[in-house]
């Protein structure tokens, strides 16, 4: 019995074309970025967290420590459209004095759990951060601030949501 291979030729060509197309596509990497062991720049200082913390002397020879910490306020999504998971996180910095400064930053995923940090934006001193959310590519940070003129000893009580986005690799506030 003799079969005609001609019907298979178009099918084989289609299969080869489909495989070539698929091999050229980028696959999404949903591996979560690890913000607890990443490097950030805060006010022109570079810090590399180890298990969510970075400490250094507050001043040369000082026993006081300047500490940068990763908070539990964070959210993940693809914020720059590259198919890789990114993370919006909040860091705190305490320089050994009474202030605790809060910053928002995005860790842009590079695959395999690695990421590169954007610039940081200060949220404020001694405030409360309730949540970090991502909605439609925008980062929403729900915070508690003080009323104008209230002393830092007063507990923050004014609810505010600040909005941020990643544009061309930089974090910007949306006003």
C-alpha atoms as a PDB file:
ATOM      1  CA  UNK A   1       0.000   0.000   0.000  1.00  0.00           C
ATOM      2  CA  UNK A   2       1.382   3.337  -1.012  1.00  0.00           C
ATOM      3  CA  UNK A   3       0.457   6.537   0.817  1.00  0.00           C
ATOM      4  CA  UNK A   4       0.923  10.012  -0.506  1.00  0.00           C
ATOM      5  CA  UNK A   5       3.068  12.113   1.920  1.00  0.00           C
ATOM      6  CA  UNK A   6       1.926  15.383   0.395  1.00  0.00           C
ATOM      7  CA  UNK A   7      -0.852  16.035   2.979  1.00  0.00           C
ATOM      8  CA  UNK A   8       1.784  15.887   5.767  1.00  0.00           C
ATOM      9  CA  UNK A   9       4.069  18.498   4.217  1.00  0.00           C
ATOM     10  CA  UNK A  10       1.817  21.489   5.028  1.00  0.00           C
ATOM     11  CA  UNK A  11       1.206  20.102   8.529  1.00  0.00           C
ATOM     12  CA  UNK A  12       4.949  19.672   9.170  1.00  0.00           C
ATOM     13  CA  UNK A  13       5.580  23.224   7.915  1.00  0.00           C
ATOM     14  CA  UNK A  14       2.903  24.607  10.232  1.00  0.00           C
ATOM     15  CA  UNK A  15       4.365  22.696  13.159  1.00  0.00           C
ATOM     16  CA  UNK A  16       7.872  24.010  12.465  1.00  0.00           C
ATOM     17  CA  UNK A  17       6.557  27.564  12.112  1.00  0.00           C
ATOM     18  CA  UNK A  18       4.650  27.273  15.411  1.00  0.00           C
ATOM     19  CA  UNK A  19       7.729  25.925  17.229  1.00  0.00           C
ATOM     20  CA  UNK A  20       9.867  28.750  15.827  1.00  0.00           C
ATOM     21  CA  UNK A  21       7.301  31.295  17.017  1.00  0.00           C
ATOM     22  CA  UNK A  22       7.126  29.792  20.491  1.00  0.00           C
ATOM     23  CA  UNK A  23      10.891  29.649  20.907  1.00  0.00           C
ATOM     24  CA  UNK A  24      11.132  33.387  20.147  1.00  0.00           C
ATOM     25  CA  UNK A  25       8.517  34.367  22.756  1.00  0.00           C
ATOM     26  CA  UNK A  26       9.506  35.517  26.224  1.00  0.00           C
ATOM     27  CA  UNK A  27       7.917  33.428  28.912  1.00  0.00           C
ATOM     28  CA  UNK A  28       6.508  35.067  31.992  1.00  0.00           C
ATOM     29  CA  UNK A  29       8.538  34.484  35.168  1.00  0.00           C
ATOM     30  CA  UNK A  30       6.225  34.465  38.138  1.00  0.00           C
ATOM     31  CA  UNK A  31       9.062  33.750  40.608  1.00  0.00           C
ATOM     32  CA  UNK A  32       8.547  36.255  43.434  1.00  0.00           C
ATOM     33  CA  UNK A  33      11.288  38.841  43.907  1.00  0.00           C
ATOM     34  CA  UNK A  34      13.111  38.548  47.255  1.00  0.00           C
ATOM     35  CA  UNK A  35      13.079  42.063  48.753  1.00  0.00           C
ATOM     36  CA  UNK A  36      14.661  40.879  52.021  1.00  0.00           C
ATOM     37  CA  UNK A  37      18.077  40.308  50.413  1.00  0.00           C
ATOM     38  CA  UNK A  38      18.223  43.145  47.888  1.00  0.00           C
ATOM     39  CA  UNK A  39      20.229  46.343  47.456  1.00  0.00           C
ATOM     40  CA  UNK A  40      18.536  49.746  47.722  1.00  0.00           C
ATOM     41  CA  UNK A  41      19.646  53.380  47.570  1.00  0.00           C
ATOM     42  CA  UNK A  42      18.159  55.669  50.214  1.00  0.00           C
ATOM     43  CA  UNK A  43      19.188  59.334  50.222  1.00  0.00           C
ATOM     44  CA  UNK A  44      22.361  58.561  48.232  1.00  0.00           C
ATOM     45  CA  UNK A  45      23.318  55.713  50.603  1.00  0.00           C
ATOM     46  CA  UNK A  46      23.456  52.181  49.231  1.00  0.00           C
ATOM     47  CA  UNK A  47      22.306  49.447  51.592  1.00  0.00           C
ATOM     48  CA  UNK A  48      22.124  45.707  51.036  1.00  0.00           C
ATOM     49  CA  UNK A  49      19.623  43.982  53.277  1.00  0.00           C
ATOM     50  CA  UNK A  50      20.348  40.599  54.770  1.00  0.00           C
ATOM     51  CA  UNK A  51      17.171  38.874  55.915  1.00  0.00           C
ATOM     52  CA  UNK A  52      15.397  42.245  55.736  1.00  0.00           C
ATOM     53  CA  UNK A  53      17.867  44.306  57.810  1.00  0.00           C
ATOM     54  CA  UNK A  54      20.975  46.460  57.274  1.00  0.00           C
ATOM     55  CA  UNK A  55      22.863  47.982  60.197  1.00  0.00           C
ATOM     56  CA  UNK A  56      25.879  50.246  60.413  1.00  0.00           C
ATOM     57  CA  UNK A  57      27.306  52.620  63.044  1.00  0.00           C
ATOM     58  CA  UNK A  58      25.274  55.864  63.173  1.00  0.00           C
ATOM     59  CA  UNK A  59      28.594  57.763  63.233  1.00  0.00           C
ATOM     60  CA  UNK A  60      32.234  56.656  63.226  1.00  0.00           C
ATOM     61  CA  UNK A  61      33.042  55.109  66.611  1.00  0.00           C
ATOM     62  CA  UNK A  62      29.417  55.380  67.785  1.00  0.00           C
ATOM     63  CA  UNK A  63      27.636  52.571  69.600  1.00  0.00           C
ATOM     64  CA  UNK A  64      24.338  53.798  68.112  1.00  0.00           C
ATOM     65  CA  UNK A  65      23.205  51.971  64.977  1.00  0.00           C
ATOM     66  CA  UNK A  66      21.655  53.310  61.800  1.00  0.00           C
ATOM     67  CA  UNK A  67      19.192  50.627  60.724  1.00  0.00           C
ATOM     68  CA  UNK A  68      17.296  50.049  57.482  1.00  0.00           C
ATOM     69  CA  UNK A  69      14.477  47.483  57.667  1.00  0.00           C
ATOM     70  CA  UNK A  70      12.056  45.921  55.250  1.00  0.00           C
ATOM     71  CA  UNK A  71       8.498  46.129  56.574  1.00  0.00           C
ATOM     72  CA  UNK A  72       5.776  43.576  55.942  1.00  0.00           C
ATOM     73  CA  UNK A  73       3.900  46.143  53.816  1.00  0.00           C
ATOM     74  CA  UNK A  74       4.319  45.020  50.205  1.00  0.00           C
ATOM     75  CA  UNK A  75       2.530  43.951  47.042  1.00  0.00           C
ATOM     76  CA  UNK A  76       3.583  42.075  43.893  1.00  0.00           C
ATOM     77  CA  UNK A  77       2.616  42.383  40.234  1.00  0.00           C
ATOM     78  CA  UNK A  78       4.252  43.011  36.863  1.00  0.00           C
ATOM     79  CA  UNK A  79       4.592  46.796  37.017  1.00  0.00           C
ATOM     80  CA  UNK A  80       6.732  47.394  33.918  1.00  0.00           C
ATOM     81  CA  UNK A  81       5.135  44.987  31.445  1.00  0.00           C
ATOM     82  CA  UNK A  82       8.122  42.668  31.002  1.00  0.00           C
ATOM     83  CA  UNK A  83       6.351  39.508  32.174  1.00  0.00           C
ATOM     84  CA  UNK A  84       8.382  39.262  35.387  1.00  0.00           C
ATOM     85  CA  UNK A  85       7.083  39.671  38.928  1.00  0.00           C
ATOM     86  CA  UNK A  86       7.963  43.007  40.580  1.00  0.00           C
ATOM     87  CA  UNK A  87       7.506  43.995  44.235  1.00  0.00           C
ATOM     88  CA  UNK A  88       6.470  47.321  45.754  1.00  0.00           C
ATOM     89  CA  UNK A  89       7.780  47.486  49.332  1.00  0.00           C
ATOM     90  CA  UNK A  90       8.130  49.869  52.256  1.00  0.00           C
ATOM     91  CA  UNK A  91      11.473  50.333  54.025  1.00  0.00           C
ATOM     92  CA  UNK A  92      12.190  52.163  57.274  1.00  0.00           C
ATOM     93  CA  UNK A  93      15.365  53.982  58.229  1.00  0.00           C
ATOM     94  CA  UNK A  94      16.305  54.962  61.765  1.00  0.00           C
ATOM     95  CA  UNK A  95      19.578  56.835  62.128  1.00  0.00           C
ATOM     96  CA  UNK A  96      19.946  56.334  65.863  1.00  0.00           C
ATOM     97  CA  UNK A  97      17.827  59.340  66.844  1.00  0.00           C
ATOM     98  CA  UNK A  98      14.106  59.604  67.491  1.00  0.00           C
ATOM     99  CA  UNK A  99      13.014  59.604  63.840  1.00  0.00           C
ATOM    100  CA  UNK A 100      11.898  56.614  61.811  1.00  0.00           C
ATOM    101  CA  UNK A 101      11.639  57.481  58.129  1.00  0.00           C
ATOM    102  CA  UNK A 102       9.441  55.472  55.762  1.00  0.00           C
ATOM    103  CA  UNK A 103      10.236  54.942  52.061  1.00  0.00           C
ATOM    104  CA  UNK A 104       8.455  53.241  49.172  1.00  0.00           C
ATOM    105  CA  UNK A 105      10.500  51.492  46.482  1.00  0.00           C
ATOM    106  CA  UNK A 106       9.902  48.974  43.699  1.00  0.00           C
ATOM    107  CA  UNK A 107      12.095  45.972  43.095  1.00  0.00           C
ATOM    108  CA  UNK A 108      11.912  45.268  39.347  1.00  0.00           C
ATOM    109  CA  UNK A 109      12.078  41.525  38.780  1.00  0.00           C
ATOM    110  CA  UNK A 110      14.816  40.146  36.579  1.00  0.00           C
ATOM    111  CA  UNK A 111      13.766  36.508  36.861  1.00  0.00           C
ATOM    112  CA  UNK A 112      14.692  33.773  39.267  1.00  0.00           C
ATOM    113  CA  UNK A 113      13.749  35.858  42.318  1.00  0.00           C
ATOM    114  CA  UNK A 114      16.358  38.553  41.594  1.00  0.00           C
ATOM    115  CA  UNK A 115      15.520  42.223  41.135  1.00  0.00           C
ATOM    116  CA  UNK A 116      16.847  45.736  40.718  1.00  0.00           C
ATOM    117  CA  UNK A 117      15.541  48.522  42.930  1.00  0.00           C
ATOM    118  CA  UNK A 118      14.131  51.752  41.577  1.00  0.00           C
ATOM    119  CA  UNK A 119      14.735  55.033  43.351  1.00  0.00           C
ATOM    120  CA  UNK A 120      13.145  55.353  46.788  1.00  0.00           C
ATOM    121  CA  UNK A 121      10.562  57.997  47.665  1.00  0.00           C
ATOM    122  CA  UNK A 122      10.196  59.143  51.278  1.00  0.00           C
ATOM    123  CA  UNK A 123       6.695  58.809  52.691  1.00  0.00           C
ATOM    124  CA  UNK A 124       7.460  60.627  55.941  1.00  0.00           C
ATOM    125  CA  UNK A 125       8.766  60.434  59.505  1.00  0.00           C
ATOM    126  CA  UNK A 126       7.074  58.507  62.305  1.00  0.00           C
ATOM    127  CA  UNK A 127       3.879  57.738  60.456  1.00  0.00           C
ATOM    128  CA  UNK A 128       1.849  54.580  60.037  1.00  0.00           C
ATOM    129  CA  UNK A 129       1.673  52.455  56.907  1.00  0.00           C
ATOM    130  CA  UNK A 130      -1.502  50.387  56.745  1.00  0.00           C
ATOM    131  CA  UNK A 131      -1.107  48.701  53.363  1.00  0.00           C
ATOM    132  CA  UNK A 132       0.532  48.611  49.957  1.00  0.00           C
ATOM    133  CA  UNK A 133      -1.738  47.657  47.060  1.00  0.00           C
ATOM    134  CA  UNK A 134      -1.388  47.473  43.296  1.00  0.00           C
ATOM    135  CA  UNK A 135      -4.344  48.422  41.118  1.00  0.00           C
ATOM    136  CA  UNK A 136      -4.138  48.826  37.346  1.00  0.00           C
ATOM    137  CA  UNK A 137      -0.354  49.179  37.383  1.00  0.00           C
ATOM    138  CA  UNK A 138      -0.465  51.869  40.081  1.00  0.00           C
ATOM    139  CA  UNK A 139       1.018  51.400  43.551  1.00  0.00           C
ATOM    140  CA  UNK A 140      -1.260  52.632  46.328  1.00  0.00           C
ATOM    141  CA  UNK A 141       0.188  53.178  49.795  1.00  0.00           C
ATOM    142  CA  UNK A 142      -2.340  53.680  52.598  1.00  0.00           C
ATOM    143  CA  UNK A 143      -0.758  55.700  55.402  1.00  0.00           C
ATOM    144  CA  UNK A 144      -1.662  57.508  58.606  1.00  0.00           C
ATOM    145  CA  UNK A 145      -0.252  61.033  58.953  1.00  0.00           C
ATOM    146  CA  UNK A 146      -0.602  63.814  61.509  1.00  0.00           C
ATOM    147  CA  UNK A 147      -2.618  66.961  61.001  1.00  0.00           C
ATOM    148  CA  UNK A 148      -0.532  70.004  60.011  1.00  0.00           C
ATOM    149  CA  UNK A 149       1.177  71.457  63.090  1.00  0.00           C
ATOM    150  CA  UNK A 150       0.672  68.391  65.287  1.00  0.00           C
ATOM    151  CA  UNK A 151       3.821  67.329  67.173  1.00  0.00           C
ATOM    152  CA  UNK A 152       5.534  64.018  66.443  1.00  0.00           C
ATOM    153  CA  UNK A 153       4.449  62.835  69.907  1.00  0.00           C
ATOM    154  CA  UNK A 154       0.849  62.802  68.598  1.00  0.00           C
ATOM    155  CA  UNK A 155      -0.183  59.471  67.098  1.00  0.00           C
ATOM    156  CA  UNK A 156      -0.864  59.707  63.336  1.00  0.00           C
ATOM    157  CA  UNK A 157      -4.623  59.662  62.687  1.00  0.00           C
ATOM    158  CA  UNK A 158      -5.255  61.176  59.236  1.00  0.00           C
ATOM    159  CA  UNK A 159      -5.785  58.500  56.575  1.00  0.00           C
ATOM    160  CA  UNK A 160      -4.146  59.254  53.231  1.00  0.00           C
ATOM    161  CA  UNK A 161      -3.564  57.166  50.124  1.00  0.00           C
ATOM    162  CA  UNK A 162      -0.565  58.087  47.990  1.00  0.00           C
ATOM    163  CA  UNK A 163      -0.243  56.774  44.448  1.00  0.00           C
ATOM    164  CA  UNK A 164       2.949  55.826  42.593  1.00  0.00           C
ATOM    165  CA  UNK A 165       3.909  54.264  39.265  1.00  0.00           C
ATOM    166  CA  UNK A 166       6.983  52.938  37.490  1.00  0.00           C
ATOM    167  CA  UNK A 167       7.819  54.935  34.368  1.00  0.00           C
ATOM    168  CA  UNK A 168      10.893  54.054  32.308  1.00  0.00           C
ATOM    169  CA  UNK A 169      12.430  52.218  35.259  1.00  0.00           C
ATOM    170  CA  UNK A 170      11.890  55.043  37.766  1.00  0.00           C
ATOM    171  CA  UNK A 171       9.364  55.309  40.582  1.00  0.00           C
ATOM    172  CA  UNK A 172       7.291  58.487  40.414  1.00  0.00           C
ATOM    173  CA  UNK A 173       4.434  59.824  42.492  1.00  0.00           C
ATOM    174  CA  UNK A 174       1.126  60.330  40.701  1.00  0.00           C
ATOM    175  CA  UNK A 175      -0.501  63.563  41.883  1.00  0.00           C
END
